[in-house]
Each structure stands twice: as C-alpha cells, then as structure tokens.
Amino acid sequence: WGLWSAGDGMGGELSEADLRRMRQVGIEGLSVE
C-alpha cells in the first residue's frame, strides 16, 4: 500500500516534512473509497 489520506493509522504519525517528501516525488494519499 501507498499512503492513505485518512489521519489515523500509521499515516497519522507522519510529520509534515514526511508528507512533503512524498508529495515532492508524486505520491498522494488514498481516500478510503
């Protein structure tokens, strides 16, 4: 799995710097749907 956009789970533990690094290489968060 890639990143999920929901704020809970392991993705919720990522810092803004972590999320920014992922966005910079083109990885977006998955919605539940």
PDB file of all heavy atoms in Angstrom:
ATOM      1  N   TRP A   1       0.808  -1.216   0.000  1.00  0.00           N
ATOM      2  CA  TRP A   1       0.000   0.000   0.000  1.00  0.00           C
ATOM      3  C   TRP A   1       0.842   1.268   0.000  1.00  0.00           C
ATOM      4  O   TRP A   1       1.890   1.337   0.649  1.00  0.00           O
ATOM      5  CB  TRP A   1      -0.910   0.024   1.231  1.00  0.00           C
ATOM      6  CG  TRP A   1      -2.017  -0.977   1.192  1.00  0.00           C
ATOM      7  CD1 TRP A   1      -2.069  -2.169   1.864  1.00  0.00           C
ATOM      8  CD2 TRP A   1      -3.232  -0.881   0.451  1.00  0.00           C
ATOM      9  NE1 TRP A   1      -3.242  -2.831   1.570  1.00  0.00           N
ATOM     10  CE2 TRP A   1      -3.978  -2.056   0.708  1.00  0.00           C
ATOM     11  CE3 TRP A   1      -3.767   0.076  -0.416  1.00  0.00           C
ATOM     12  CZ2 TRP A   1      -5.227  -2.300   0.134  1.00  0.00           C
ATOM     13  CZ3 TRP A   1      -5.015  -0.160  -0.983  1.00  0.00           C
ATOM     14  CH2 TRP A   1      -5.733  -1.339  -0.714  1.00  0.00           C
ATOM     15  N   GLY A   2       0.346   2.255  -0.719  1.00  0.00           N
ATOM     16  CA  GLY A   2       0.879   3.599  -0.602  1.00  0.00           C
ATOM     17  C   GLY A   2       0.220   4.309   0.558  1.00  0.00           C
ATOM     18  O   GLY A   2      -0.513   3.706   1.353  1.00  0.00           O
ATOM     19  N   LEU A   3       0.461   5.605   0.654  1.00  0.00           N
ATOM     20  CA  LEU A   3      -0.087   6.415   1.744  1.00  0.00           C
ATOM     21  C   LEU A   3      -1.607   6.502   1.651  1.00  0.00           C
ATOM     22  O   LEU A   3      -2.163   6.642   0.566  1.00  0.00           O
ATOM     23  CB  LEU A   3       0.507   7.825   1.664  1.00  0.00           C
ATOM     24  CG  LEU A   3      -0.018   8.855   2.664  1.00  0.00           C
ATOM     25  CD1 LEU A   3       0.444   8.512   4.074  1.00  0.00           C
ATOM     26  CD2 LEU A   3       0.443  10.251   2.271  1.00  0.00           C
ATOM     27  N   TRP A   4      -2.274   6.413   2.801  1.00  0.00           N
ATOM     28  CA  TRP A   4      -3.711   6.680   2.889  1.00  0.00           C
ATOM     29  C   TRP A   4      -3.878   8.097   3.430  1.00  0.00           C
ATOM     30  O   TRP A   4      -3.133   8.539   4.304  1.00  0.00           O
ATOM     31  CB  TRP A   4      -4.408   5.686   3.809  1.00  0.00           C
ATOM     32  CG  TRP A   4      -4.551   4.313   3.215  1.00  0.00           C
ATOM     33  CD1 TRP A   4      -3.537   3.453   2.893  1.00  0.00           C
ATOM     34  CD2 TRP A   4      -5.772   3.659   2.852  1.00  0.00           C
ATOM     35  NE1 TRP A   4      -4.049   2.299   2.355  1.00  0.00           N
ATOM     36  CE2 TRP A   4      -5.415   2.384   2.322  1.00  0.00           C
ATOM     37  CE3 TRP A   4      -7.117   3.998   2.931  1.00  0.00           C
ATOM     38  CZ2 TRP A   4      -6.371   1.480   1.874  1.00  0.00           C
ATOM     39  CZ3 TRP A   4      -8.060   3.082   2.492  1.00  0.00           C
ATOM     40  CH2 TRP A   4      -7.690   1.838   1.952  1.00  0.00           C
ATOM     41  N   SER A   5      -4.864   8.802   2.911  1.00  0.00           N
ATOM     42  CA  SER A   5      -5.041  10.205   3.294  1.00  0.00           C
ATOM     43  C   SER A   5      -5.740  10.367   4.630  1.00  0.00           C
ATOM     44  O   SER A   5      -5.714  11.442   5.224  1.00  0.00           O
ATOM     45  CB  SER A   5      -5.827  10.960   2.216  1.00  0.00           C
ATOM     46  OG  SER A   5      -7.085  10.342   1.981  1.00  0.00           O
ATOM     47  N   ALA A   6      -6.385   9.322   5.131  1.00  0.00           N
ATOM     48  CA  ALA A   6      -7.039   9.413   6.439  1.00  0.00           C
ATOM     49  C   ALA A   6      -6.002   9.723   7.510  1.00  0.00           C
ATOM     50  O   ALA A   6      -4.873   9.241   7.465  1.00  0.00           O
ATOM     51  CB  ALA A   6      -7.761   8.105   6.757  1.00  0.00           C
ATOM     52  N   GLY A   7      -6.387  10.522   8.485  1.00  0.00           N
ATOM     53  CA  GLY A   7      -5.437  10.977   9.501  1.00  0.00           C
ATOM     54  C   GLY A   7      -5.123   9.963  10.570  1.00  0.00           C
ATOM     55  O   GLY A   7      -4.296  10.219  11.437  1.00  0.00           O
ATOM     56  N   ASP A   8      -5.779   8.799  10.547  1.00  0.00           N
ATOM     57  CA  ASP A   8      -5.496   7.790  11.568  1.00  0.00           C
ATOM     58  C   ASP A   8      -4.526   6.759  11.008  1.00  0.00           C
ATOM     59  O   ASP A   8      -4.043   6.869   9.893  1.00  0.00           O
ATOM     60  CB  ASP A   8      -6.795   7.125  12.042  1.00  0.00           C
ATOM     61  CG  ASP A   8      -7.607   6.558  10.874  1.00  0.00           C
ATOM     62  OD1 ASP A   8      -7.141   6.672   9.722  1.00  0.00           O
ATOM     63  OD2 ASP A   8      -8.703   6.021  11.107  1.00  0.00           O
ATOM     64  N   GLY A   9      -4.259   5.743  11.805  1.00  0.00           N
ATOM     65  CA  GLY A   9      -3.324   4.711  11.357  1.00  0.00           C
ATOM     66  C   GLY A   9      -1.902   5.236  11.305  1.00  0.00           C
ATOM     67  O   GLY A   9      -1.566   6.284  11.860  1.00  0.00           O
ATOM     68  N   MET A  10      -1.033   4.513  10.601  1.00  0.00           N
ATOM     69  CA  MET A  10       0.386   4.876  10.547  1.00  0.00           C
ATOM     70  C   MET A  10       0.587   6.193   9.815  1.00  0.00           C
ATOM     71  O   MET A  10       1.517   6.940  10.107  1.00  0.00           O
ATOM     72  CB  MET A  10       1.185   3.764   9.882  1.00  0.00           C
ATOM     73  CG  MET A  10       1.132   2.449  10.650  1.00  0.00           C
ATOM     74  SD  MET A  10       2.160   1.182   9.916  1.00  0.00           S
ATOM     75  CE  MET A  10       3.775   1.754  10.375  1.00  0.00           C
ATOM     76  N   GLY A  11      -0.281   6.481   8.816  1.00  0.00           N
ATOM     77  CA  GLY A  11      -0.157   7.752   8.101  1.00  0.00           C
ATOM     78  C   GLY A  11      -0.325   8.954   9.009  1.00  0.00           C
ATOM     79  O   GLY A  11       0.245  10.014   8.770  1.00  0.00           O
ATOM     80  N   GLY A  12      -1.103   8.776  10.079  1.00  0.00           N
ATOM     81  CA  GLY A  12      -1.307   9.868  11.019  1.00  0.00           C
ATOM     82  C   GLY A  12      -0.079  10.188  11.838  1.00  0.00           C
ATOM     83  O   GLY A  12      -0.018  11.248  12.473  1.00  0.00           O
ATOM     84  N   GLU A  13       0.907   9.277  11.833  1.00  0.00           N
ATOM     85  CA  GLU A  13       2.139   9.511  12.594  1.00  0.00           C
ATOM     86  C   GLU A  13       3.191  10.257  11.775  1.00  0.00           C
ATOM     87  O   GLU A  13       4.228  10.644  12.304  1.00  0.00           O
ATOM     88  CB  GLU A  13       2.723   8.174  13.049  1.00  0.00           C
ATOM     89  CG  GLU A  13       1.794   7.374  13.958  1.00  0.00           C
ATOM     90  CD  GLU A  13       2.379   6.027  14.332  1.00  0.00           C
ATOM     91  OE1 GLU A  13       3.595   5.854  14.157  1.00  0.00           O
ATOM     92  OE2 GLU A  13       1.625   5.157  14.801  1.00  0.00           O
ATOM     93  N   LEU A  14       2.920  10.444  10.488  1.00  0.00           N
ATOM     94  CA  LEU A  14       3.893  11.128   9.640  1.00  0.00           C
ATOM     95  C   LEU A  14       3.898  12.622   9.928  1.00  0.00           C
ATOM     96  O   LEU A  14       2.849  13.236  10.120  1.00  0.00           O
ATOM     97  CB  LEU A  14       3.562  10.882   8.163  1.00  0.00           C
ATOM     98  CG  LEU A  14       3.636   9.435   7.672  1.00  0.00           C
ATOM     99  CD1 LEU A  14       3.178   9.340   6.230  1.00  0.00           C
ATOM    100  CD2 LEU A  14       5.055   8.897   7.808  1.00  0.00           C
ATOM    101  N   SER A  15       5.089  13.199   9.932  1.00  0.00           N
ATOM    102  CA  SER A  15       5.210  14.644  10.128  1.00  0.00           C
ATOM    103  C   SER A  15       4.910  15.367   8.819  1.00  0.00           C
ATOM    104  O   SER A  15       4.843  14.751   7.749  1.00  0.00           O
ATOM    105  CB  SER A  15       6.634  14.991  10.591  1.00  0.00           C
ATOM    106  OG  SER A  15       7.563  14.725   9.542  1.00  0.00           O
ATOM    107  N   GLU A  16       4.759  16.674   8.893  1.00  0.00           N
ATOM    108  CA  GLU A  16       4.531  17.454   7.684  1.00  0.00           C
ATOM    109  C   GLU A  16       5.724  17.329   6.742  1.00  0.00           C
ATOM    110  O   GLU A  16       5.557  17.296   5.516  1.00  0.00           O
ATOM    111  CB  GLU A  16       4.307  18.927   8.039  1.00  0.00           C
ATOM    112  CG  GLU A  16       4.056  19.834   6.837  1.00  0.00           C
ATOM    113  CD  GLU A  16       2.898  19.359   5.963  1.00  0.00           C
ATOM    114  OE1 GLU A  16       1.901  18.859   6.504  1.00  0.00           O
ATOM    115  OE2 GLU A  16       3.021  19.466   4.719  1.00  0.00           O
ATOM    116  N   ALA A  17       6.931  17.220   7.301  1.00  0.00           N
ATOM    117  CA  ALA A  17       8.120  17.039   6.463  1.00  0.00           C
ATOM    118  C   ALA A  17       8.058  15.711   5.717  1.00  0.00           C
ATOM    119  O   ALA A  17       8.410  15.628   4.540  1.00  0.00           O
ATOM    120  CB  ALA A  17       9.385  17.104   7.323  1.00  0.00           C
ATOM    121  N   ASP A  18       7.587  14.648   6.405  1.00  0.00           N
ATOM    122  CA  ASP A  18       7.453  13.340   5.752  1.00  0.00           C
ATOM    123  C   ASP A  18       6.456  13.415   4.596  1.00  0.00           C
ATOM    124  O   ASP A  18       6.717  12.903   3.497  1.00  0.00           O
ATOM    125  CB  ASP A  18       6.974  12.290   6.760  1.00  0.00           C
ATOM    126  CG  ASP A  18       7.982  12.025   7.861  1.00  0.00           C
ATOM    127  OD1 ASP A  18       9.192  12.090   7.581  1.00  0.00           O
ATOM    128  OD2 ASP A  18       7.559  11.763   8.999  1.00  0.00           O
ATOM    129  N   LEU A  19       5.317  14.054   4.855  1.00  0.00           N
ATOM    130  CA  LEU A  19       4.284  14.166   3.821  1.00  0.00           C
ATOM    131  C   LEU A  19       4.779  15.003   2.647  1.00  0.00           C
ATOM    132  O   LEU A  19       4.484  14.703   1.484  1.00  0.00           O
ATOM    133  CB  LEU A  19       3.019  14.784   4.420  1.00  0.00           C
ATOM    134  CG  LEU A  19       2.314  13.942   5.499  1.00  0.00           C
ATOM    135  CD1 LEU A  19       1.186  14.733   6.137  1.00  0.00           C
ATOM    136  CD2 LEU A  19       1.776  12.646   4.901  1.00  0.00           C
ATOM    137  N   ARG A  20       5.542  16.059   2.951  1.00  0.00           N
ATOM    138  CA  ARG A  20       6.071  16.912   1.886  1.00  0.00           C
ATOM    139  C   ARG A  20       7.039  16.133   1.008  1.00  0.00           C
ATOM    140  O   ARG A  20       7.013  16.271  -0.224  1.00  0.00           O
ATOM    141  CB  ARG A  20       6.775  18.136   2.483  1.00  0.00           C
ATOM    142  CG  ARG A  20       7.256  19.126   1.425  1.00  0.00           C
ATOM    143  CD  ARG A  20       7.926  20.329   2.050  1.00  0.00           C
ATOM    144  NE  ARG A  20       9.145  19.979   2.762  1.00  0.00           N
ATOM    145  CZ  ARG A  20       9.275  20.002   4.075  1.00  0.00           C
ATOM    146  NH1 ARG A  20       8.251  20.330   4.848  1.00  0.00           N
ATOM    147  NH2 ARG A  20      10.421  19.664   4.662  1.00  0.00           N
ATOM    148  N   ARG A  21       7.888  15.297   1.598  1.00  0.00           N
ATOM    149  CA  ARG A  21       8.815  14.492   0.801  1.00  0.00           C
ATOM    150  C   ARG A  21       8.058  13.572  -0.151  1.00  0.00           C
ATOM    151  O   ARG A  21       8.469  13.367  -1.290  1.00  0.00           O
ATOM    152  CB  ARG A  21       9.706  13.648   1.723  1.00  0.00           C
ATOM    153  CG  ARG A  21      10.726  14.445   2.504  1.00  0.00           C
ATOM    154  CD  ARG A  21      11.696  13.531   3.235  1.00  0.00           C
ATOM    155  NE  ARG A  21      12.460  14.288   4.208  1.00  0.00           N
ATOM    156  CZ  ARG A  21      12.235  14.264   5.516  1.00  0.00           C
ATOM    157  NH1 ARG A  21      11.272  13.495   5.997  1.00  0.00           N
ATOM    158  NH2 ARG A  21      12.952  15.000   6.341  1.00  0.00           N
ATOM    159  N   MET A  22       6.959  13.019   0.332  1.00  0.00           N
ATOM    160  CA  MET A  22       6.191  12.104  -0.508  1.00  0.00           C
ATOM    161  C   MET A  22       5.509  12.858  -1.648  1.00  0.00           C
ATOM    162  O   MET A  22       5.491  12.389  -2.792  1.00  0.00           O
ATOM    163  CB  MET A  22       5.169  11.348   0.346  1.00  0.00           C
ATOM    164  CG  MET A  22       5.804  10.509   1.436  1.00  0.00           C
ATOM    165  SD  MET A  22       4.618   9.573   2.422  1.00  0.00           S
ATOM    166  CE  MET A  22       4.313   8.195   1.329  1.00  0.00           C
ATOM    167  N   ARG A  23       4.967  14.030  -1.338  1.00  0.00           N
ATOM    168  CA  ARG A  23       4.323  14.813  -2.396  1.00  0.00           C
ATOM    169  C   ARG A  23       5.327  15.263  -3.441  1.00  0.00           C
ATOM    170  O   ARG A  23       5.010  15.350  -4.630  1.00  0.00           O
ATOM    171  CB  ARG A  23       3.604  16.032  -1.795  1.00  0.00           C
ATOM    172  CG  ARG A  23       2.360  15.681  -0.983  1.00  0.00           C
ATOM    173  CD  ARG A  23       1.551  16.920  -0.687  1.00  0.00           C
ATOM    174  NE  ARG A  23       2.278  17.874   0.141  1.00  0.00           N
ATOM    175  CZ  ARG A  23       2.214  17.906   1.474  1.00  0.00           C
ATOM    176  NH1 ARG A  23       1.440  17.038   2.123  1.00  0.00           N
ATOM    177  NH2 ARG A  23       2.900  18.798   2.170  1.00  0.00           N
ATOM    178  N   GLN A  24       6.558  15.531  -3.017  1.00  0.00           N
ATOM    179  CA  GLN A  24       7.572  16.014  -3.952  1.00  0.00           C
ATOM    180  C   GLN A  24       7.948  14.968  -4.992  1.00  0.00           C
ATOM    181  O   GLN A  24       8.429  15.320  -6.066  1.00  0.00           O
ATOM    182  CB  GLN A  24       8.826  16.458  -3.177  1.00  0.00           C
ATOM    183  CG  GLN A  24       8.644  17.789  -2.453  1.00  0.00           C
ATOM    184  CD  GLN A  24       9.838  18.144  -1.577  1.00  0.00           C
ATOM    185  OE1 GLN A  24      10.644  17.279  -1.228  1.00  0.00           O
ATOM    186  NE2 GLN A  24       9.970  19.405  -1.214  1.00  0.00           N
ATOM    187  N   VAL A  25       7.739  13.689  -4.687  1.00  0.00           N
ATOM    188  CA  VAL A  25       8.026  12.648  -5.681  1.00  0.00           C
ATOM    189  C   VAL A  25       6.747  12.101  -6.297  1.00  0.00           C
ATOM    190  O   VAL A  25       6.762  11.074  -6.973  1.00  0.00           O
ATOM    191  CB  VAL A  25       8.864  11.497  -5.075  1.00  0.00           C
ATOM    192  CG1 VAL A  25      10.215  11.996  -4.638  1.00  0.00           C
ATOM    193  CG2 VAL A  25       8.128  10.814  -3.922  1.00  0.00           C
ATOM    194  N   GLY A  26       5.609  12.777  -6.068  1.00  0.00           N
ATOM    195  CA  GLY A  26       4.387  12.434  -6.764  1.00  0.00           C
ATOM    196  C   GLY A  26       3.505  11.406  -6.092  1.00  0.00           C
ATOM    197  O   GLY A  26       2.660  10.793  -6.749  1.00  0.00           O
ATOM    198  N   ILE A  27       3.660  11.191  -4.785  1.00  0.00           N
ATOM    199  CA  ILE A  27       2.809  10.239  -4.060  1.00  0.00           C
ATOM    200  C   ILE A  27       1.732  11.002  -3.302  1.00  0.00           C
ATOM    201  O   ILE A  27       2.035  11.842  -2.453  1.00  0.00           O
ATOM    202  CB  ILE A  27       3.636   9.393  -3.079  1.00  0.00           C
ATOM    203  CG1 ILE A  27       4.680   8.575  -3.837  1.00  0.00           C
ATOM    204  CG2 ILE A  27       2.728   8.479  -2.263  1.00  0.00           C
ATOM    205  CD1 ILE A  27       5.604   7.781  -2.948  1.00  0.00           C
ATOM    206  N   GLU A  28       0.477  10.720  -3.619  1.00  0.00           N
ATOM    207  CA  GLU A  28      -0.658  11.341  -2.955  1.00  0.00           C
ATOM    208  C   GLU A  28      -1.332  10.339  -2.032  1.00  0.00           C
ATOM    209  O   GLU A  28      -1.121   9.118  -2.134  1.00  0.00           O
ATOM    210  CB  GLU A  28      -1.663  11.836  -4.002  1.00  0.00           C
ATOM    211  CG  GLU A  28      -1.108  12.905  -4.941  1.00  0.00           C
ATOM    212  CD  GLU A  28      -0.916  14.252  -4.260  1.00  0.00           C
ATOM    213  OE1 GLU A  28      -1.486  14.431  -3.160  1.00  0.00           O
ATOM    214  OE2 GLU A  28      -0.207  15.111  -4.813  1.00  0.00           O
ATOM    215  N   GLY A  29      -2.158  10.845  -1.141  1.00  0.00           N
ATOM    216  CA  GLY A  29      -2.867   9.970  -0.215  1.00  0.00           C
ATOM    217  C   GLY A  29      -4.088   9.324  -0.862  1.00  0.00           C
ATOM    218  O   GLY A  29      -4.786   9.944  -1.671  1.00  0.00           O
ATOM    219  N   LEU A  30      -4.362   8.071  -0.501  1.00  0.00           N
ATOM    220  CA  LEU A  30      -5.538   7.351  -0.969  1.00  0.00           C
ATOM    221  C   LEU A  30      -6.736   7.664  -0.091  1.00  0.00           C
ATOM    222  O   LEU A  30      -6.642   7.615   1.142  1.00  0.00           O
ATOM    223  CB  LEU A  30      -5.296   5.837  -0.919  1.00  0.00           C
ATOM    224  CG  LEU A  30      -4.437   5.191  -2.003  1.00  0.00           C
ATOM    225  CD1 LEU A  30      -4.053   3.782  -1.564  1.00  0.00           C
ATOM    226  CD2 LEU A  30      -5.207   5.147  -3.303  1.00  0.00           C
ATOM    227  N   SER A  31      -7.882   7.965  -0.701  1.00  0.00           N
ATOM    228  CA  SER A  31      -9.115   8.052   0.069  1.00  0.00           C
ATOM    229  C   SER A  31      -9.556   6.632   0.409  1.00  0.00           C
ATOM    230  O   SER A  31      -9.121   5.654  -0.214  1.00  0.00           O
ATOM    231  CB  SER A  31     -10.210   8.754  -0.750  1.00  0.00           C
ATOM    232  OG  SER A  31     -10.565   7.965  -1.882  1.00  0.00           O
ATOM    233  N   VAL A  32     -10.430   6.503   1.395  1.00  0.00           N
ATOM    234  CA  VAL A  32     -10.936   5.187   1.769  1.00  0.00           C
ATOM    235  C   VAL A  32     -11.646   4.540   0.584  1.00  0.00           C
ATOM    236  O   VAL A  32     -11.446   3.354   0.282  1.00  0.00           O
ATOM    237  CB  VAL A  32     -11.881   5.295   2.980  1.00  0.00           C
ATOM    238  CG1 VAL A  32     -12.551   3.945   3.261  1.00  0.00           C
ATOM    239  CG2 VAL A  32     -11.109   5.770   4.210  1.00  0.00           C
ATOM    240  N   GLU A  33     -12.450   5.335  -0.112  1.00  0.00           N
ATOM    241  CA  GLU A  33     -13.193   4.789  -1.250  1.00  0.00           C
ATOM    242  C   GLU A  33     -12.242   4.287  -2.337  1.00  0.00           C
ATOM    243  O   GLU A  33     -12.423   3.194  -2.887  1.00  0.00           O
ATOM    244  CB  GLU A  33     -14.137   5.855  -1.825  1.00  0.00           C
ATOM    245  CG  GLU A  33     -15.268   6.273  -0.907  1.00  0.00           C
ATOM    246  CD  GLU A  33     -14.814   7.190   0.224  1.00  0.00           C
ATOM    247  OE1 GLU A  33     -13.700   7.764   0.117  1.00  0.00           O
ATOM    248  OE2 GLU A  33     -15.567   7.326   1.211  1.00  0.00           O
TER     249      GLU A  33
END
